[in-house]
PDB file of N, CA and C in Angstrom:
ATOM      1  N   MET A   1     126.705  10.276  70.559  1.00  0.00           N
ATOM      2  CA  MET A   1     125.536  10.502  70.245  1.00  0.00           C
ATOM      3  C   MET A   1     124.671   9.059  70.349  1.00  0.00           C
ATOM      4  N   ASP A   2     123.392   9.413  70.566  1.00  0.00           N
ATOM      5  CA  ASP A   2     122.265   8.281  70.612  1.00  0.00           C
ATOM      6  C   ASP A   2     121.781   8.052  69.383  1.00  0.00           C
ATOM      7  N   CYS A   3     122.355   8.089  68.363  1.00  0.00           N
ATOM      8  CA  CYS A   3     121.471   8.010  66.915  1.00  0.00           C
ATOM      9  C   CYS A   3     121.159   6.523  66.546  1.00  0.00           C
ATOM     10  N   PRO A   4     119.966   6.532  66.369  1.00  0.00           N
ATOM     11  CA  PRO A   4     119.239   5.176  65.775  1.00  0.00           C
ATOM     12  C   PRO A   4     119.940   4.788  64.272  1.00  0.00           C
ATOM     13  N   SER A   5     120.318   5.747  63.559  1.00  0.00           N
ATOM     14  CA  SER A   5     120.957   5.242  62.158  1.00  0.00           C
ATOM     15  C   SER A   5     122.213   6.192  62.036  1.00  0.00           C
ATOM     16  N   ASP A   6     122.677   6.812  61.028  1.00  0.00           N
ATOM     17  CA  ASP A   6     123.962   7.467  60.820  1.00  0.00           C
ATOM     18  C   ASP A   6     124.012   8.755  61.477  1.00  0.00           C
ATOM     19  N   LEU A   7     125.358   9.012  61.756  1.00  0.00           N
ATOM     20  CA  LEU A   7     125.693  10.392  62.444  1.00  0.00           C
ATOM     21  C   LEU A   7     126.413  11.096  61.196  1.00  0.00           C
ATOM     22  N   TRP A   8     126.005  12.716  61.119  1.00  0.00           N
ATOM     23  CA  TRP A   8     126.321  13.543  60.076  1.00  0.00           C
ATOM     24  C   TRP A   8     127.248  14.577  60.785  1.00  0.00           C
ATOM     25  N   SER A   9     128.136  15.105  60.151  1.00  0.00           N
ATOM     26  CA  SER A   9     129.018  16.131  60.647  1.00  0.00           C
ATOM     27  C   SER A   9     129.221  17.298  59.487  1.00  0.00           C
ATOM     28  N   TYR A  10     129.238  18.586  60.021  1.00  0.00           N
ATOM     29  CA  TYR A  10     129.711  19.646  59.222  1.00  0.00           C
ATOM     30  C   TYR A  10     130.444  20.714  59.772  1.00  0.00           C
ATOM     31  N   SER A  11     131.367  21.164  59.064  1.00  0.00           N
ATOM     32  CA  SER A  11     132.520  22.135  59.739  1.00  0.00           C
ATOM     33  C   SER A  11     132.294  23.402  58.809  1.00  0.00           C
ATOM     34  N   THR A  12     132.312  24.599  59.500  1.00  0.00           N
ATOM     35  CA  THR A  12     132.479  25.846  58.891  1.00  0.00           C
ATOM     36  C   THR A  12     133.540  26.762  59.388  1.00  0.00           C
ATOM     37  N   ALA A  13     134.652  26.041  59.713  1.00  0.00           N
ATOM     38  CA  ALA A  13     135.760  26.606  60.345  1.00  0.00           C
ATOM     39  C   ALA A  13     136.424  27.711  59.195  1.00  0.00           C
ATOM     40  N   GLU A  14     136.510  27.514  58.168  1.00  0.00           N
ATOM     41  CA  GLU A  14     137.167  28.498  56.833  1.00  0.00           C
ATOM     42  C   GLU A  14     136.488  29.878  56.979  1.00  0.00           C
ATOM     43  N   ILE A  15     135.098  29.696  57.288  1.00  0.00           N
ATOM     44  CA  ILE A  15     134.192  30.758  56.982  1.00  0.00           C
ATOM     45  C   ILE A  15     134.743  31.890  58.198  1.00  0.00           C
ATOM     46  N   SER A  16     135.141  31.418  59.288  1.00  0.00           N
ATOM     47  CA  SER A  16     135.384  32.297  60.613  1.00  0.00           C
ATOM     48  C   SER A  16     136.482  33.275  60.442  1.00  0.00           C
ATOM     49  N   LEU A  17     137.400  32.775  59.285  1.00  0.00           N
ATOM     50  CA  LEU A  17     138.611  33.463  59.065  1.00  0.00           C
ATOM     51  C   LEU A  17     138.354  35.089  58.572  1.00  0.00           C
ATOM     52  N   THR A  18     137.288  35.138  57.819  1.00  0.00           N
ATOM     53  CA  THR A  18     137.042  36.453  56.993  1.00  0.00           C
ATOM     54  C   THR A  18     135.550  37.114  57.648  1.00  0.00           C
ATOM     55  N   ALA A  19     134.710  36.399  58.098  1.00  0.00           N
ATOM     56  CA  ALA A  19     133.439  36.884  58.337  1.00  0.00           C
ATOM     57  C   ALA A  19     133.425  37.612  59.669  1.00  0.00           C
ATOM     58  N   GLU A  20     132.458  38.368  59.888  1.00  0.00           N
ATOM     59  CA  GLU A  20     132.062  39.007  61.329  1.00  0.00           C
ATOM     60  C   GLU A  20     131.141  38.110  62.080  1.00  0.00           C
ATOM     61  N   GLY A  21     131.613  37.929  63.406  1.00  0.00           N
ATOM     62  CA  GLY A  21     131.046  36.891  64.010  1.00  0.00           C
ATOM     63  C   GLY A  21     130.100  37.554  64.963  1.00  0.00           C
ATOM     64  N   SER A  22     129.340  36.783  65.856  1.00  0.00           N
ATOM     65  CA  SER A  22     128.370  36.982  66.860  1.00  0.00           C
ATOM     66  C   SER A  22     128.885  37.650  67.963  1.00  0.00           C
ATOM     67  N   GLU A  23     128.244  38.415  68.771  1.00  0.00           N
ATOM     68  CA  GLU A  23     128.626  38.972  70.125  1.00  0.00           C
ATOM     69  C   GLU A  23     129.063  38.024  71.168  1.00  0.00           C
ATOM     70  N   SER A  24     128.322  36.786  71.104  1.00  0.00           N
ATOM     71  CA  SER A  24     128.255  35.805  72.175  1.00  0.00           C
ATOM     72  C   SER A  24     127.947  34.378  71.620  1.00  0.00           C
ATOM     73  N   ALA A  25     128.296  33.403  72.258  1.00  0.00           N
ATOM     74  CA  ALA A  25     128.348  31.907  71.756  1.00  0.00           C
ATOM     75  C   ALA A  25     126.740  31.646  71.527  1.00  0.00           C
ATOM     76  N   ASP A  26     125.992  32.056  72.453  1.00  0.00           N
ATOM     77  CA  ASP A  26     124.321  31.972  72.262  1.00  0.00           C
ATOM     78  C   ASP A  26     123.857  32.565  71.124  1.00  0.00           C
ATOM     79  N   GLU A  27     124.495  33.707  70.810  1.00  0.00           N
ATOM     80  CA  GLU A  27     124.008  34.517  69.603  1.00  0.00           C
ATOM     81  C   GLU A  27     124.471  33.570  68.278  1.00  0.00           C
ATOM     82  N   ALA A  28     125.518  33.189  68.365  1.00  0.00           N
ATOM     83  CA  ALA A  28     126.094  32.078  67.297  1.00  0.00           C
ATOM     84  C   ALA A  28     125.210  31.023  67.000  1.00  0.00           C
ATOM     85  N   LEU A  29     124.639  30.380  68.124  1.00  0.00           N
ATOM     86  CA  LEU A  29     124.000  29.382  68.114  1.00  0.00           C
ATOM     87  C   LEU A  29     122.685  29.730  67.484  1.00  0.00           C
ATOM     88  N   ALA A  30     122.122  30.847  67.892  1.00  0.00           N
ATOM     89  CA  ALA A  30     120.645  31.208  67.643  1.00  0.00           C
ATOM     90  C   ALA A  30     120.523  31.128  66.000  1.00  0.00           C
ATOM     91  N   LEU A  31     121.849  31.671  65.285  1.00  0.00           N
ATOM     92  CA  LEU A  31     121.571  32.058  63.852  1.00  0.00           C
ATOM     93  C   LEU A  31     121.463  30.415  62.924  1.00  0.00           C
ATOM     94  N   LEU A  32     121.767  29.338  63.756  1.00  0.00           N
ATOM     95  CA  LEU A  32     121.767  28.130  63.383  1.00  0.00           C
ATOM     96  C   LEU A  32     120.204  27.620  63.274  1.00  0.00           C
ATOM     97  N   THR A  33     119.604  27.387  62.159  1.00  0.00           N
ATOM     98  CA  THR A  33     118.415  26.878  61.866  1.00  0.00           C
ATOM     99  C   THR A  33     118.220  25.401  61.384  1.00  0.00           C
ATOM    100  N   PRO A  34     117.180  24.771  61.545  1.00  0.00           N
ATOM    101  CA  PRO A  34     117.151  23.365  61.064  1.00  0.00           C
ATOM    102  C   PRO A  34     117.455  23.336  59.634  1.00  0.00           C
ATOM    103  N   GLU A  35     117.190  24.129  58.849  1.00  0.00           N
ATOM    104  CA  GLU A  35     117.722  24.208  57.301  1.00  0.00           C
ATOM    105  C   GLU A  35     118.993  24.431  57.277  1.00  0.00           C
ATOM    106  N   LEU A  36     119.769  25.041  58.131  1.00  0.00           N
ATOM    107  CA  LEU A  36     121.184  24.991  58.113  1.00  0.00           C
ATOM    108  C   LEU A  36     122.063  23.905  58.948  1.00  0.00           C
ATOM    109  N   GLY A  37     121.095  22.858  59.457  1.00  0.00           N
ATOM    110  CA  GLY A  37     121.776  21.923  60.146  1.00  0.00           C
ATOM    111  C   GLY A  37     121.944  21.812  61.581  1.00  0.00           C
ATOM    112  N   ARG A  38     120.942  22.432  62.227  1.00  0.00           N
ATOM    113  CA  ARG A  38     120.656  22.519  63.609  1.00  0.00           C
ATOM    114  C   ARG A  38     120.153  21.308  64.075  1.00  0.00           C
ATOM    115  N   PRO A  39     120.804  20.653  64.956  1.00  0.00           N
ATOM    116  CA  PRO A  39     120.439  19.470  65.226  1.00  0.00           C
ATOM    117  C   PRO A  39     118.830  19.228  66.125  1.00  0.00           C
ATOM    118  N   ALA A  40     118.359  18.175  66.007  1.00  0.00           N
ATOM    119  CA  ALA A  40     116.808  18.221  66.596  1.00  0.00           C
ATOM    120  C   ALA A  40     117.200  18.094  68.264  1.00  0.00           C
ATOM    121  N   GLY A  41     116.182  18.737  68.916  1.00  0.00           N
ATOM    122  CA  GLY A  41     116.276  18.941  70.448  1.00  0.00           C
ATOM    123  C   GLY A  41     116.529  19.907  71.124  1.00  0.00           C
ATOM    124  N   ASP A  42     116.905  19.987  72.287  1.00  0.00           N
ATOM    125  CA  ASP A  42     116.965  21.225  72.990  1.00  0.00           C
ATOM    126  C   ASP A  42     118.589  21.336  73.439  1.00  0.00           C
ATOM    127  N   PRO A  43     119.119  22.433  73.405  1.00  0.00           N
ATOM    128  CA  PRO A  43     120.305  22.600  73.618  1.00  0.00           C
ATOM    129  C   PRO A  43     120.810  22.934  75.067  1.00  0.00           C
ATOM    130  N   GLU A  44     122.012  22.173  75.623  1.00  0.00           N
ATOM    131  CA  GLU A  44     122.411  22.510  76.862  1.00  0.00           C
ATOM    132  C   GLU A  44     123.965  22.602  76.775  1.00  0.00           C
ATOM    133  N   VAL A  45     124.601  23.497  77.577  1.00  0.00           N
ATOM    134  CA  VAL A  45     126.136  23.458  77.501  1.00  0.00           C
ATOM    135  C   VAL A  45     126.430  22.331  78.056  1.00  0.00           C
ATOM    136  N   GLU A  46     127.450  21.614  77.261  1.00  0.00           N
ATOM    137  CA  GLU A  46     128.162  20.531  77.482  1.00  0.00           C
ATOM    138  C   GLU A  46     129.504  20.687  78.075  1.00  0.00           C
ATOM    139  N   PHE A  47     130.222  21.711  77.423  1.00  0.00           N
ATOM    140  CA  PHE A  47     131.466  22.203  77.877  1.00  0.00           C
ATOM    141  C   PHE A  47     131.503  23.494  77.575  1.00  0.00           C
ATOM    142  N   GLU A  48     132.485  24.096  78.553  1.00  0.00           N
ATOM    143  CA  GLU A  48     132.640  25.633  78.249  1.00  0.00           C
ATOM    144  C   GLU A  48     134.013  26.300  78.588  1.00  0.00           C
ATOM    145  N   THR A  49     134.756  26.871  77.854  1.00  0.00           N
ATOM    146  CA  THR A  49     135.911  27.650  78.297  1.00  0.00           C
ATOM    147  C   THR A  49     135.633  29.158  77.803  1.00  0.00           C
ATOM    148  N   PRO A  50     136.473  30.041  78.158  1.00  0.00           N
ATOM    149  CA  PRO A  50     136.349  31.404  77.563  1.00  0.00           C
ATOM    150  C   PRO A  50     136.246  31.627  76.124  1.00  0.00           C
ATOM    151  N   ASP A  51     136.824  30.698  75.168  1.00  0.00           N
ATOM    152  CA  ASP A  51     136.784  30.738  74.076  1.00  0.00           C
ATOM    153  C   ASP A  51     136.296  29.719  73.195  1.00  0.00           C
ATOM    154  N   ARG A  52     135.538  28.767  73.910  1.00  0.00           N
ATOM    155  CA  ARG A  52     134.897  27.586  73.279  1.00  0.00           C
ATOM    156  C   ARG A  52     133.643  27.257  74.128  1.00  0.00           C
ATOM    157  N   VAL A  53     132.605  26.995  73.404  1.00  0.00           N
ATOM    158  CA  VAL A  53     131.389  26.515  73.807  1.00  0.00           C
ATOM    159  C   VAL A  53     130.990  25.002  73.224  1.00  0.00           C
ATOM    160  N   VAL A  54     130.515  24.021  73.753  1.00  0.00           N
ATOM    161  CA  VAL A  54     129.989  23.069  73.152  1.00  0.00           C
ATOM    162  C   VAL A  54     128.707  22.557  73.627  1.00  0.00           C
ATOM    163  N   TYR A  55     127.749  22.840  72.734  1.00  0.00           N
ATOM    164  CA  TYR A  55     126.389  22.649  72.997  1.00  0.00           C
ATOM    165  C   TYR A  55     125.773  21.262  72.651  1.00  0.00           C
ATOM    166  N   LEU A  56     125.097  20.554  73.631  1.00  0.00           N
ATOM    167  CA  LEU A  56     124.623  19.344  73.148  1.00  0.00           C
ATOM    168  C   LEU A  56     123.061  19.439  73.113  1.00  0.00           C
ATOM    169  N   PHE A  57     122.535  18.631  72.329  1.00  0.00           N
ATOM    170  CA  PHE A  57     121.097  18.806  71.970  1.00  0.00           C
ATOM    171  C   PHE A  57     120.639  17.286  72.338  1.00  0.00           C
ATOM    172  N   GLY A  58     119.395  17.459  73.348  1.00  0.00           N
ATOM    173  CA  GLY A  58     118.958  15.961  73.218  1.00  0.00           C
ATOM    174  C   GLY A  58     117.246  16.226  73.392  1.00  0.00           C
ATOM    175  N   ASP A  59     116.732  14.948  73.621  1.00  0.00           N
ATOM    176  CA  ASP A  59     115.197  15.099  73.657  1.00  0.00           C
ATOM    177  C   ASP A  59     114.808  14.828  75.195  1.00  0.00           C
ATOM    178  N   ALA A  60     113.541  14.798  75.253  1.00  0.00           N
ATOM    179  CA  ALA A  60     112.808  14.551  76.668  1.00  0.00           C
ATOM    180  C   ALA A  60     113.113  13.215  77.348  1.00  0.00           C
ATOM    181  N   GLU A  61     113.526  12.356  76.445  1.00  0.00           N
ATOM    182  CA  GLU A  61     113.876  11.009  76.891  1.00  0.00           C
ATOM    183  C   GLU A  61     115.351  10.794  77.553  1.00  0.00           C
ATOM    184  N   GLY A  62     116.182  12.089  77.153  1.00  0.00           N
ATOM    185  CA  GLY A  62     117.637  11.936  77.601  1.00  0.00           C
ATOM    186  C   GLY A  62     118.504  11.428  76.509  1.00  0.00           C
ATOM    187  N   SER A  63     117.955  11.155  75.310  1.00  0.00           N
ATOM    188  CA  SER A  63     118.822  10.747  74.100  1.00  0.00           C
ATOM    189  C   SER A  63     119.800  11.967  73.601  1.00  0.00           C
ATOM    190  N   ARG A  64     120.993  11.887  73.266  1.00  0.00           N
ATOM    191  CA  ARG A  64     121.785  12.821  72.618  1.00  0.00           C
ATOM    192  C   ARG A  64     121.781  12.692  71.196  1.00  0.00           C
ATOM    193  N   LEU A  65     121.205  13.862  70.727  1.00  0.00           N
ATOM    194  CA  LEU A  65     120.756  13.936  69.294  1.00  0.00           C
ATOM    195  C   LEU A  65     121.665  14.593  68.332  1.00  0.00           C
ATOM    196  N   GLY A  66     122.547  15.497  68.937  1.00  0.00           N
ATOM    197  CA  GLY A  66     123.482  16.307  68.133  1.00  0.00           C
ATOM    198  C   GLY A  66     124.198  17.259  69.095  1.00  0.00           C
ATOM    199  N   ARG A  67     125.408  17.960  68.430  1.00  0.00           N
ATOM    200  CA  ARG A  67     126.262  18.594  68.907  1.00  0.00           C
ATOM    201  C   ARG A  67     126.712  19.753  68.103  1.00  0.00           C
ATOM    202  N   VAL A  68     126.779  20.785  68.735  1.00  0.00           N
ATOM    203  CA  VAL A  68     127.429  22.198  68.276  1.00  0.00           C
ATOM    204  C   VAL A  68     128.534  22.771  68.779  1.00  0.00           C
ATOM    205  N   VAL A  69     129.590  23.023  67.984  1.00  0.00           N
ATOM    206  CA  VAL A  69     130.775  23.625  68.757  1.00  0.00           C
ATOM    207  C   VAL A  69     131.038  25.113  68.359  1.00  0.00           C
ATOM    208  N   VAL A  70     131.043  25.933  69.236  1.00  0.00           N
ATOM    209  CA  VAL A  70     131.288  27.394  68.869  1.00  0.00           C
ATOM    210  C   VAL A  70     132.317  27.983  69.592  1.00  0.00           C
ATOM    211  N   ILE A  71     133.135  28.498  68.739  1.00  0.00           N
ATOM    212  CA  ILE A  71     134.297  29.231  69.322  1.00  0.00           C
ATOM    213  C   ILE A  71     134.537  30.594  69.012  1.00  0.00           C
ATOM    214  N   ARG A  72     135.373  31.399  69.826  1.00  0.00           N
ATOM    215  CA  ARG A  72     135.608  32.700  69.925  1.00  0.00           C
ATOM    216  C   ARG A  72     136.746  33.141  69.020  1.00  0.00           C
ATOM    217  N   MET A  73     136.788  33.816  67.966  1.00  0.00           N
ATOM    218  CA  MET A  73     137.855  34.413  67.260  1.00  0.00           C
ATOM    219  C   MET A  73     138.099  35.744  67.382  1.00  0.00           C
ATOM    220  N   PRO A  74     139.129  36.396  66.878  1.00  0.00           N
ATOM    221  CA  PRO A  74     139.258  37.868  67.076  1.00  0.00           C
ATOM    222  C   PRO A  74     138.045  38.924  66.514  1.00  0.00           C
ATOM    223  N   ASN A  75     137.334  38.115  65.642  1.00  0.00           N
ATOM    224  CA  ASN A  75     136.314  38.801  64.879  1.00  0.00           C
ATOM    225  C   ASN A  75     134.862  38.593  65.382  1.00  0.00           C
ATOM    226  N   GLY A  76     134.759  37.721  66.513  1.00  0.00           N
ATOM    227  CA  GLY A  76     133.440  37.251  67.149  1.00  0.00           C
ATOM    228  C   GLY A  76     133.459  35.785  67.292  1.00  0.00           C
ATOM    229  N   TRP A  77     132.235  35.343  67.625  1.00  0.00           N
ATOM    230  CA  TRP A  77     131.988  34.008  68.179  1.00  0.00           C
ATOM    231  C   TRP A  77     131.192  33.192  66.697  1.00  0.00           C
ATOM    232  N   PHE A  78     131.545  32.064  66.410  1.00  0.00           N
ATOM    233  CA  PHE A  78     131.404  31.495  65.201  1.00  0.00           C
ATOM    234  C   PHE A  78     131.194  29.871  65.442  1.00  0.00           C
ATOM    235  N   MET A  79     130.223  29.416  64.953  1.00  0.00           N
ATOM    236  CA  MET A  79     129.857  27.831  64.911  1.00  0.00           C
ATOM    237  C   MET A  79     130.849  27.188  63.900  1.00  0.00           C
ATOM    238  N   VAL A  80     131.621  26.188  64.349  1.00  0.00           N
ATOM    239  CA  VAL A  80     132.666  25.728  63.627  1.00  0.00           C
ATOM    240  C   VAL A  80     132.437  24.033  63.367  1.00  0.00           C
ATOM    241  N   THR A  81     131.839  23.437  64.077  1.00  0.00           N
ATOM    242  CA  THR A  81     131.283  22.052  63.734  1.00  0.00           C
ATOM    243  C   THR A  81     129.743  21.793  64.261  1.00  0.00           C
ATOM    244  N   THR A  82     129.248  21.244  63.685  1.00  0.00           N
ATOM    245  CA  THR A  82     127.780  20.581  63.872  1.00  0.00           C
ATOM    246  C   THR A  82     127.472  19.276  63.540  1.00  0.00           C
ATOM    247  N   GLU A  83     127.208  18.603  64.311  1.00  0.00           N
ATOM    248  CA  GLU A  83     126.844  17.134  64.145  1.00  0.00           C
ATOM    249  C   GLU A  83     125.630  16.619  64.693  1.00  0.00           C
ATOM    250  N   GLY A  84     125.140  15.648  64.057  1.00  0.00           N
ATOM    251  CA  GLY A  84     123.802  15.180  64.550  1.00  0.00           C
ATOM    252  C   GLY A  84     123.384  13.929  64.050  1.00  0.00           C
ATOM    253  N   CYS A  85     122.210  13.378  64.533  1.00  0.00           N
ATOM    254  CA  CYS A  85     121.694  12.156  63.862  1.00  0.00           C
ATOM    255  C   CYS A  85     121.038  12.269  62.703  1.00  0.00           C
ATOM    256  N   ALA A  86     121.372  11.395  61.740  1.00  0.00           N
ATOM    257  CA  ALA A  86     120.743  11.605  60.317  1.00  0.00           C
ATOM    258  C   ALA A  86     119.199  11.183  60.468  1.00  0.00           C
ATOM    259  N   PRO A  87     118.412  12.081  59.800  1.00  0.00           N
ATOM    260  CA  PRO A  87     116.790  11.869  59.832  1.00  0.00           C
ATOM    261  C   PRO A  87     116.573  10.487  59.448  1.00  0.00           C
TER     262      PRO A  87
END
Protein backbone atom coordinates (compact mmCIF):
# COMPACT_ATOMS: atom_id res chain seq x y z
CA MET A 1 0.00 0.00 0.00
CA ASP A 2 1.02 3.59 -0.48
CA CYS A 3 -0.25 4.67 2.92
CA PRO A 4 0.90 8.03 4.26
CA SER A 5 0.01 6.75 7.74
CA ASP A 6 -0.91 3.41 9.30
CA LEU A 7 -2.33 0.37 7.49
CA TRP A 8 -5.40 -1.34 8.99
CA SER A 9 -6.78 -4.81 8.29
CA TYR A 10 -10.03 -6.63 9.11
CA SER A 11 -11.00 -10.26 8.55
CA THR A 12 -14.48 -11.79 8.33
CA ALA A 13 -13.44 -15.37 7.56
CA GLU A 14 -15.50 -16.89 10.38
CA ILE A 15 -18.75 -15.39 9.02
CA SER A 16 -18.42 -17.26 5.71
CA LEU A 17 -18.83 -20.62 7.44
CA THR A 18 -22.52 -20.16 8.32
CA ALA A 19 -23.95 -17.27 6.27
CA GLU A 20 -25.38 -17.23 2.76
CA GLY A 21 -22.99 -15.64 0.31
CA SER A 22 -23.36 -13.50 -2.80
CA GLU A 23 -23.82 -14.85 -6.33
CA SER A 24 -20.54 -13.33 -7.56
CA ALA A 25 -17.36 -11.71 -6.27
CA ASP A 26 -18.52 -8.34 -7.61
CA GLU A 27 -21.81 -8.65 -5.71
CA ALA A 28 -19.95 -9.47 -2.50
CA LEU A 29 -17.71 -6.43 -2.99
CA ALA A 30 -20.75 -4.21 -3.64
CA LEU A 31 -21.99 -4.98 -0.10
CA LEU A 32 -18.92 -3.33 1.40
CA THR A 33 -19.63 0.31 2.25
CA PRO A 34 -17.22 2.90 3.66
CA GLU A 35 -18.95 2.47 7.04
CA LEU A 36 -18.10 -1.24 6.93
CA GLY A 37 -14.47 -0.67 5.94
CA ARG A 38 -14.51 -0.21 2.15
CA PRO A 39 -11.13 1.33 1.24
CA ALA A 40 -11.01 4.71 -0.45
CA GLY A 41 -10.55 4.81 -4.20
CA ASP A 42 -11.78 2.82 -7.17
CA PRO A 43 -11.41 -1.01 -7.27
CA GLU A 44 -9.59 -3.00 -9.96
CA VAL A 45 -8.97 -6.74 -10.03
CA GLU A 46 -5.39 -7.31 -8.89
CA PHE A 47 -5.52 -11.13 -8.90
CA GLU A 48 -8.18 -13.67 -9.83
CA THR A 49 -8.72 -17.42 -9.72
CA PRO A 50 -12.03 -19.32 -9.98
CA ASP A 51 -12.35 -19.24 -6.16
CA ARG A 52 -10.59 -16.00 -5.16
CA VAL A 53 -10.58 -12.38 -6.32
CA VAL A 54 -8.31 -9.68 -4.91
CA TYR A 55 -9.51 -6.14 -5.54
CA LEU A 56 -7.00 -3.30 -5.34
CA PHE A 57 -8.29 0.21 -4.59
CA GLY A 58 -6.41 3.22 -5.87
CA ASP A 59 -6.71 6.91 -6.58
CA ALA A 60 -6.33 8.97 -9.75
CA GLU A 61 -2.60 9.46 -9.06
CA GLY A 62 -2.01 5.69 -9.03
CA SER A 63 -1.49 5.35 -5.27
CA ARG A 64 -2.63 2.02 -3.84
CA LEU A 65 -5.04 2.76 -0.98
CA GLY A 66 -6.55 -0.59 -0.03
CA ARG A 67 -7.21 -4.22 -0.88
CA VAL A 68 -10.21 -6.54 -0.46
CA VAL A 69 -10.03 -10.33 -0.78
CA VAL A 70 -13.23 -12.14 -1.81
CA ILE A 71 -13.44 -15.95 -1.87
CA ARG A 72 -15.98 -18.48 -3.08
CA MET A 73 -17.24 -20.93 -0.49
CA PRO A 74 -19.85 -23.68 -1.03
CA ASN A 75 -22.52 -21.22 0.15
CA GLY A 76 -21.48 -18.24 -2.03
CA TRP A 77 -18.93 -15.43 -2.34
CA PHE A 78 -17.65 -13.63 0.79
CA MET A 79 -15.28 -10.79 1.62
CA VAL A 80 -12.71 -12.32 3.95
CA THR A 81 -10.06 -9.64 4.31
CA THR A 82 -10.17 -5.88 3.98
CA GLU A 83 -7.14 -3.65 4.40
CA GLY A 84 -6.52 -0.02 3.74
CA CYS A 85 -4.77 3.16 4.70
CA ALA A 86 -5.80 4.72 7.99
CA PRO A 87 -7.69 8.01 7.62
